[in-house]
């Protein structure tokens, strides 16, 4: 895994090309068209090319791989409904995708159950070691690799900037989801930072899109 502060789908591809994981699309036999299963927790954009996911397709083209000729995409968008991940994973496993690319670490467990031997690449994750997704950042092991952000490490700095901008703040509200694998590590840092700043912290757990309101 590569640990980065900021992530784009293009950076993600560059990391893979540098040898982070032996992607089949980077060493395909002549005439083979690979199938990539992409699961996102967001809603589908009217134009994938113009969304943040468009960087993935752009990066593939820059490496000489053309959609439809060298590989086929199987898109799945959960629209903030984590309950759909097992369904998506089962569908893509039945289609015999060669690799999974996940825009959310919440889908990892469902994919591992549906296709235990198929490689998984994370577009973004926070503390994958602490979450039990990989053995280590240097040597992930198993079938999972990808990009790890520094969201857990940057939480104290975010709080510092918030209190600098609003010095009279006394109570901080955090919208979270306990379904996220990174929930424990991020909240632990957030609690420590608020205690040090002598602020009270109130959390609201949204486990589905319906609970956001």
C-alpha atoms as a PDB file:
ATOM      1  CA  UNK A   1       0.000   0.000   0.000  1.00  0.00           C
ATOM      2  CA  UNK A   2       1.019   3.584  -0.588  1.00  0.00           C
ATOM      3  CA  UNK A   3       0.168   6.136   2.087  1.00  0.00           C
ATOM      4  CA  UNK A   4      -0.871   9.517   0.651  1.00  0.00           C
ATOM      5  CA  UNK A   5      -2.498  12.657   2.040  1.00  0.00           C
ATOM      6  CA  UNK A   6      -4.547  13.294  -1.102  1.00  0.00           C
ATOM      7  CA  UNK A   7      -5.832  10.849  -3.675  1.00  0.00           C
ATOM      8  CA  UNK A   8      -7.033  11.012  -7.269  1.00  0.00           C
ATOM      9  CA  UNK A   9      -7.945   8.018  -9.341  1.00  0.00           C
ATOM     10  CA  UNK A  10      -5.024   8.867 -11.625  1.00  0.00           C
ATOM     11  CA  UNK A  11      -2.564   8.793  -8.714  1.00  0.00           C
ATOM     12  CA  UNK A  12      -4.085   5.471  -7.782  1.00  0.00           C
ATOM     13  CA  UNK A  13      -3.257   4.054 -11.224  1.00  0.00           C
ATOM     14  CA  UNK A  14       0.281   5.413 -11.098  1.00  0.00           C
ATOM     15  CA  UNK A  15       0.824   3.649  -7.771  1.00  0.00           C
ATOM     16  CA  UNK A  16      -0.394   0.403  -9.289  1.00  0.00           C
ATOM     17  CA  UNK A  17       1.827   0.764 -12.338  1.00  0.00           C
ATOM     18  CA  UNK A  18       4.790   1.324 -10.035  1.00  0.00           C
ATOM     19  CA  UNK A  19       4.342  -2.216  -8.788  1.00  0.00           C
ATOM     20  CA  UNK A  20       1.998  -1.914  -5.808  1.00  0.00           C
ATOM     21  CA  UNK A  21       0.034  -4.895  -7.098  1.00  0.00           C
ATOM     22  CA  UNK A  22       0.326  -7.235 -10.118  1.00  0.00           C
ATOM     23  CA  UNK A  23      -2.800  -6.052 -11.899  1.00  0.00           C
ATOM     24  CA  UNK A  24      -3.832  -8.445 -14.667  1.00  0.00           C
ATOM     25  CA  UNK A  25      -4.646  -5.523 -16.994  1.00  0.00           C
ATOM     26  CA  UNK A  26      -0.976  -4.527 -16.898  1.00  0.00           C
ATOM     27  CA  UNK A  27       0.193  -7.868 -18.256  1.00  0.00           C
ATOM     28  CA  UNK A  28      -2.640  -9.258 -20.334  1.00  0.00           C
ATOM     29  CA  UNK A  29      -2.228 -12.038 -22.914  1.00  0.00           C
ATOM     30  CA  UNK A  30      -2.858 -11.151 -26.551  1.00  0.00           C
ATOM     31  CA  UNK A  31      -6.576 -11.006 -27.312  1.00  0.00           C
ATOM     32  CA  UNK A  32      -7.623 -11.144 -23.668  1.00  0.00           C
ATOM     33  CA  UNK A  33     -10.172  -8.532 -22.569  1.00  0.00           C
ATOM     34  CA  UNK A  34     -10.186  -8.202 -18.802  1.00  0.00           C
ATOM     35  CA  UNK A  35     -13.312  -7.432 -16.808  1.00  0.00           C
ATOM     36  CA  UNK A  36     -13.061  -4.925 -13.942  1.00  0.00           C
ATOM     37  CA  UNK A  37     -15.750  -4.762 -11.263  1.00  0.00           C
ATOM     38  CA  UNK A  38     -15.995  -1.248  -9.816  1.00  0.00           C
ATOM     39  CA  UNK A  39     -18.089  -0.670  -6.674  1.00  0.00           C
ATOM     40  CA  UNK A  40     -18.733   2.861  -5.449  1.00  0.00           C
ATOM     41  CA  UNK A  41     -20.658   3.966  -2.397  1.00  0.00           C
ATOM     42  CA  UNK A  42     -21.801   7.138  -4.175  1.00  0.00           C
ATOM     43  CA  UNK A  43     -24.530   7.758  -6.729  1.00  0.00           C
ATOM     44  CA  UNK A  44     -23.765   7.374 -10.407  1.00  0.00           C
ATOM     45  CA  UNK A  45     -22.784  10.642 -12.042  1.00  0.00           C
ATOM     46  CA  UNK A  46     -24.610  11.641 -15.243  1.00  0.00           C
ATOM     47  CA  UNK A  47     -21.157  11.567 -16.861  1.00  0.00           C
ATOM     48  CA  UNK A  48     -18.614   9.142 -15.413  1.00  0.00           C
ATOM     49  CA  UNK A  49     -15.921  10.693 -17.604  1.00  0.00           C
ATOM     50  CA  UNK A  50     -16.466  14.083 -15.941  1.00  0.00           C
ATOM     51  CA  UNK A  51     -16.695  12.722 -12.396  1.00  0.00           C
ATOM     52  CA  UNK A  52     -13.798  11.901 -10.066  1.00  0.00           C
ATOM     53  CA  UNK A  53     -13.981   8.310 -11.324  1.00  0.00           C
ATOM     54  CA  UNK A  54     -13.180   9.631 -14.793  1.00  0.00           C
ATOM     55  CA  UNK A  55      -9.561   9.840 -13.670  1.00  0.00           C
ATOM     56  CA  UNK A  56      -9.496   6.054 -13.548  1.00  0.00           C
ATOM     57  CA  UNK A  57     -10.475   5.767 -17.224  1.00  0.00           C
ATOM     58  CA  UNK A  58      -8.101   8.586 -18.175  1.00  0.00           C
ATOM     59  CA  UNK A  59      -5.247   6.871 -16.395  1.00  0.00           C
ATOM     60  CA  UNK A  60      -5.984   3.594 -18.148  1.00  0.00           C
ATOM     61  CA  UNK A  61      -5.848   5.360 -21.516  1.00  0.00           C
ATOM     62  CA  UNK A  62      -2.541   6.992 -20.608  1.00  0.00           C
ATOM     63  CA  UNK A  63      -1.131   3.531 -19.975  1.00  0.00           C
ATOM     64  CA  UNK A  64      -2.386   2.412 -23.387  1.00  0.00           C
ATOM     65  CA  UNK A  65      -5.464   0.452 -22.298  1.00  0.00           C
ATOM     66  CA  UNK A  66      -8.713   1.193 -24.117  1.00  0.00           C
ATOM     67  CA  UNK A  67     -12.118   0.388 -22.640  1.00  0.00           C
ATOM     68  CA  UNK A  68     -13.992  -2.025 -24.879  1.00  0.00           C
ATOM     69  CA  UNK A  69     -10.806  -3.287 -26.503  1.00  0.00           C
ATOM     70  CA  UNK A  70      -8.529  -4.199 -23.607  1.00  0.00           C
ATOM     71  CA  UNK A  71     -10.972  -4.247 -20.722  1.00  0.00           C
ATOM     72  CA  UNK A  72     -14.649  -3.940 -19.844  1.00  0.00           C
ATOM     73  CA  UNK A  73     -16.039  -2.052 -16.858  1.00  0.00           C
ATOM     74  CA  UNK A  74     -18.830  -3.367 -14.662  1.00  0.00           C
ATOM     75  CA  UNK A  75     -20.054  -0.368 -12.666  1.00  0.00           C
ATOM     76  CA  UNK A  76     -22.043  -0.600  -9.449  1.00  0.00           C
ATOM     77  CA  UNK A  77     -23.173   2.457  -7.450  1.00  0.00           C
ATOM     78  CA  UNK A  78     -24.693   1.979  -3.991  1.00  0.00           C
ATOM     79  CA  UNK A  79     -26.052   5.539  -3.523  1.00  0.00           C
ATOM     80  CA  UNK A  80     -25.115   5.521   0.184  1.00  0.00           C
ATOM     81  CA  UNK A  81     -26.849   2.162   0.743  1.00  0.00           C
ATOM     82  CA  UNK A  82     -24.260  -0.219   2.227  1.00  0.00           C
ATOM     83  CA  UNK A  83     -26.804  -3.042   2.237  1.00  0.00           C
ATOM     84  CA  UNK A  84     -26.293  -3.258  -1.535  1.00  0.00           C
ATOM     85  CA  UNK A  85     -22.622  -4.280  -1.276  1.00  0.00           C
ATOM     86  CA  UNK A  86     -23.271  -8.024  -0.832  1.00  0.00           C
ATOM     87  CA  UNK A  87     -25.648  -7.948  -3.812  1.00  0.00           C
ATOM     88  CA  UNK A  88     -23.130  -6.115  -5.987  1.00  0.00           C
ATOM     89  CA  UNK A  89     -20.313  -8.425  -4.913  1.00  0.00           C
ATOM     90  CA  UNK A  90     -22.387 -11.511  -5.754  1.00  0.00           C
ATOM     91  CA  UNK A  91     -23.379 -10.089  -9.142  1.00  0.00           C
ATOM     92  CA  UNK A  92     -19.799  -9.263 -10.083  1.00  0.00           C
ATOM     93  CA  UNK A  93     -18.504 -12.617  -8.824  1.00  0.00           C
ATOM     94  CA  UNK A  94     -21.071 -14.354 -11.035  1.00  0.00           C
ATOM     95  CA  UNK A  95     -19.752 -12.313 -13.964  1.00  0.00           C
ATOM     96  CA  UNK A  96     -16.249 -13.637 -13.181  1.00  0.00           C
ATOM     97  CA  UNK A  97     -14.603 -10.222 -13.006  1.00  0.00           C
ATOM     98  CA  UNK A  98     -10.815 -10.442 -13.004  1.00  0.00           C
ATOM     99  CA  UNK A  99     -10.342  -7.753 -10.369  1.00  0.00           C
ATOM    100  CA  UNK A 100     -12.401  -5.551  -8.055  1.00  0.00           C
ATOM    101  CA  UNK A 101     -11.756  -1.826  -7.716  1.00  0.00           C
ATOM    102  CA  UNK A 102     -13.531  -0.406  -4.671  1.00  0.00           C
ATOM    103  CA  UNK A 103     -14.351   3.225  -4.067  1.00  0.00           C
ATOM    104  CA  UNK A 104     -15.269   2.366  -0.488  1.00  0.00           C
ATOM    105  CA  UNK A 105     -13.556   0.081   2.039  1.00  0.00           C
ATOM    106  CA  UNK A 106     -16.983  -0.862   3.405  1.00  0.00           C
ATOM    107  CA  UNK A 107     -17.433  -3.224   0.456  1.00  0.00           C
ATOM    108  CA  UNK A 108     -14.278  -5.266   1.139  1.00  0.00           C
ATOM    109  CA  UNK A 109     -15.855  -7.883   3.409  1.00  0.00           C
ATOM    110  CA  UNK A 110     -18.749  -8.507   1.015  1.00  0.00           C
ATOM    111  CA  UNK A 111     -16.349  -8.935  -1.900  1.00  0.00           C
ATOM    112  CA  UNK A 112     -14.077 -11.264   0.067  1.00  0.00           C
ATOM    113  CA  UNK A 113     -17.053 -13.492   0.882  1.00  0.00           C
ATOM    114  CA  UNK A 114     -18.350 -13.517  -2.693  1.00  0.00           C
ATOM    115  CA  UNK A 115     -14.988 -13.917  -4.437  1.00  0.00           C
ATOM    116  CA  UNK A 116     -12.271 -14.901  -1.923  1.00  0.00           C
ATOM    117  CA  UNK A 117      -9.543 -15.407  -4.555  1.00  0.00           C
ATOM    118  CA  UNK A 118     -10.171 -12.351  -6.731  1.00  0.00           C
ATOM    119  CA  UNK A 119      -7.766  -9.396  -6.290  1.00  0.00           C
ATOM    120  CA  UNK A 120      -9.190  -6.266  -4.629  1.00  0.00           C
ATOM    121  CA  UNK A 121      -7.795  -2.767  -5.112  1.00  0.00           C
ATOM    122  CA  UNK A 122      -8.934  -0.001  -2.768  1.00  0.00           C
ATOM    123  CA  UNK A 123      -9.286   3.452  -4.288  1.00  0.00           C
ATOM    124  CA  UNK A 124      -9.255   4.917  -0.782  1.00  0.00           C
ATOM    125  CA  UNK A 125      -9.018   3.642   2.774  1.00  0.00           C
ATOM    126  CA  UNK A 126      -8.102   4.875   6.239  1.00  0.00           C
ATOM    127  CA  UNK A 127      -5.995   2.770   8.591  1.00  0.00           C
ATOM    128  CA  UNK A 128      -6.385  -0.489   6.615  1.00  0.00           C
ATOM    129  CA  UNK A 129      -4.012  -2.234   9.017  1.00  0.00           C
ATOM    130  CA  UNK A 130      -5.985  -1.265  12.120  1.00  0.00           C
ATOM    131  CA  UNK A 131      -9.198  -2.173  10.294  1.00  0.00           C
ATOM    132  CA  UNK A 132      -7.823  -5.652   9.621  1.00  0.00           C
ATOM    133  CA  UNK A 133      -7.998  -5.276   5.832  1.00  0.00           C
ATOM    134  CA  UNK A 134      -4.253  -5.846   5.278  1.00  0.00           C
ATOM    135  CA  UNK A 135      -1.304  -7.194   7.255  1.00  0.00           C
ATOM    136  CA  UNK A 136       0.854  -4.075   6.799  1.00  0.00           C
ATOM    137  CA  UNK A 137       1.231  -1.075   4.511  1.00  0.00           C
ATOM    138  CA  UNK A 138       4.563  -2.335   3.163  1.00  0.00           C
ATOM    139  CA  UNK A 139       3.354  -5.904   2.609  1.00  0.00           C
ATOM    140  CA  UNK A 140      -0.451  -6.048   2.487  1.00  0.00           C
ATOM    141  CA  UNK A 141      -0.573  -9.795   1.844  1.00  0.00           C
ATOM    142  CA  UNK A 142      -3.771 -11.608   0.900  1.00  0.00           C
ATOM    143  CA  UNK A 143      -5.846 -10.264  -1.988  1.00  0.00           C
ATOM    144  CA  UNK A 144      -6.214  -6.599  -0.919  1.00  0.00           C
ATOM    145  CA  UNK A 145      -4.048  -3.624  -1.838  1.00  0.00           C
ATOM    146  CA  UNK A 146      -4.552   0.013  -2.871  1.00  0.00           C
ATOM    147  CA  UNK A 147      -4.231   3.472  -1.373  1.00  0.00           C
ATOM    148  CA  UNK A 148      -4.311   4.481   2.295  1.00  0.00           C
ATOM    149  CA  UNK A 149      -5.155   8.064   3.190  1.00  0.00           C
ATOM    150  CA  UNK A 150      -4.027   9.924   6.297  1.00  0.00           C
ATOM    151  CA  UNK A 151      -7.512  10.898   7.443  1.00  0.00           C
ATOM    152  CA  UNK A 152      -6.968   9.486  10.916  1.00  0.00           C
ATOM    153  CA  UNK A 153      -3.640  11.300  11.270  1.00  0.00           C
ATOM    154  CA  UNK A 154      -5.025  14.601   9.959  1.00  0.00           C
ATOM    155  CA  UNK A 155      -8.046  14.716  12.286  1.00  0.00           C
ATOM    156  CA  UNK A 156      -6.216  16.666  15.058  1.00  0.00           C
ATOM    157  CA  UNK A 157      -5.029  19.214  12.471  1.00  0.00           C
ATOM    158  CA  UNK A 158      -8.553  19.618  11.134  1.00  0.00           C
ATOM    159  CA  UNK A 159      -9.756  20.353  14.649  1.00  0.00           C
ATOM    160  CA  UNK A 160      -6.913  22.836  15.130  1.00  0.00           C
ATOM    161  CA  UNK A 161      -7.964  24.702  11.986  1.00  0.00           C
ATOM    162  CA  UNK A 162     -11.608  24.644  13.064  1.00  0.00           C
ATOM    163  CA  UNK A 163     -10.899  26.146  16.474  1.00  0.00           C
ATOM    164  CA  UNK A 164      -8.644  28.768  14.885  1.00  0.00           C
ATOM    165  CA  UNK A 165     -11.448  29.819  12.539  1.00  0.00           C
ATOM    166  CA  UNK A 166     -14.130  29.720  15.266  1.00  0.00           C
ATOM    167  CA  UNK A 167     -12.329  30.374  18.574  1.00  0.00           C
ATOM    168  CA  UNK A 168     -15.564  30.456  20.599  1.00  0.00           C
ATOM    169  CA  UNK A 169     -16.624  26.928  19.682  1.00  0.00           C
ATOM    170  CA  UNK A 170     -17.307  24.771  22.732  1.00  0.00           C
ATOM    171  CA  UNK A 171     -19.279  21.813  21.387  1.00  0.00           C
ATOM    172  CA  UNK A 172     -18.389  19.857  18.281  1.00  0.00           C
ATOM    173  CA  UNK A 173     -20.821  17.678  16.332  1.00  0.00           C
ATOM    174  CA  UNK A 174     -19.561  14.837  14.170  1.00  0.00           C
ATOM    175  CA  UNK A 175     -21.658  12.951  11.619  1.00  0.00           C
ATOM    176  CA  UNK A 176     -20.240   9.414  11.452  1.00  0.00           C
ATOM    177  CA  UNK A 177     -21.142   5.910  10.411  1.00  0.00           C
ATOM    178  CA  UNK A 178     -20.188   2.905  12.487  1.00  0.00           C
ATOM    179  CA  UNK A 179     -20.405   0.822   9.288  1.00  0.00           C
ATOM    180  CA  UNK A 180     -17.101   2.286   8.101  1.00  0.00           C
ATOM    181  CA  UNK A 181     -13.978   0.181   8.790  1.00  0.00           C
ATOM    182  CA  UNK A 182     -12.151   3.413   9.647  1.00  0.00           C
ATOM    183  CA  UNK A 183     -14.738   4.517  12.226  1.00  0.00           C
ATOM    184  CA  UNK A 184     -12.811   3.386  15.310  1.00  0.00           C
ATOM    185  CA  UNK A 185      -9.419   4.839  14.351  1.00  0.00           C
ATOM    186  CA  UNK A 186     -10.788   8.215  13.209  1.00  0.00           C
ATOM    187  CA  UNK A 187     -13.138   8.642  16.185  1.00  0.00           C
ATOM    188  CA  UNK A 188     -10.374   7.677  18.628  1.00  0.00           C
ATOM    189  CA  UNK A 189      -8.186  10.483  17.291  1.00  0.00           C
ATOM    190  CA  UNK A 190     -11.094  12.891  17.224  1.00  0.00           C
ATOM    191  CA  UNK A 191     -11.979  12.196  20.871  1.00  0.00           C
ATOM    192  CA  UNK A 192      -8.365  12.653  21.950  1.00  0.00           C
ATOM    193  CA  UNK A 193      -8.080  15.925  20.021  1.00  0.00           C
ATOM    194  CA  UNK A 194     -11.325  17.361  21.414  1.00  0.00           C
ATOM    195  CA  UNK A 195     -10.358  16.410  24.964  1.00  0.00           C
ATOM    196  CA  UNK A 196      -7.003  18.121  24.565  1.00  0.00           C
ATOM    197  CA  UNK A 197      -8.758  21.227  23.227  1.00  0.00           C
ATOM    198  CA  UNK A 198     -11.259  21.024  26.118  1.00  0.00           C
ATOM    199  CA  UNK A 199     -14.225  20.681  23.776  1.00  0.00           C
ATOM    200  CA  UNK A 200     -17.236  18.423  24.108  1.00  0.00           C
ATOM    201  CA  UNK A 201     -17.908  16.003  21.253  1.00  0.00           C
ATOM    202  CA  UNK A 202     -21.349  14.793  20.173  1.00  0.00           C
ATOM    203  CA  UNK A 203     -21.623  12.117  17.477  1.00  0.00           C
ATOM    204  CA  UNK A 204     -24.553  11.106  15.289  1.00  0.00           C
ATOM    205  CA  UNK A 205     -24.420   7.682  13.660  1.00  0.00           C
ATOM    206  CA  UNK A 206     -25.963   7.490  10.180  1.00  0.00           C
ATOM    207  CA  UNK A 207     -26.021   3.869   9.038  1.00  0.00           C
ATOM    208  CA  UNK A 208     -28.067   4.540   5.895  1.00  0.00           C
ATOM    209  CA  UNK A 209     -28.989   7.380   3.563  1.00  0.00           C
ATOM    210  CA  UNK A 210     -32.428   7.554   5.219  1.00  0.00           C
ATOM    211  CA  UNK A 211     -30.814   8.331   8.561  1.00  0.00           C
ATOM    212  CA  UNK A 212     -28.839  11.348   7.319  1.00  0.00           C
ATOM    213  CA  UNK A 213     -31.717  13.803   7.912  1.00  0.00           C
END
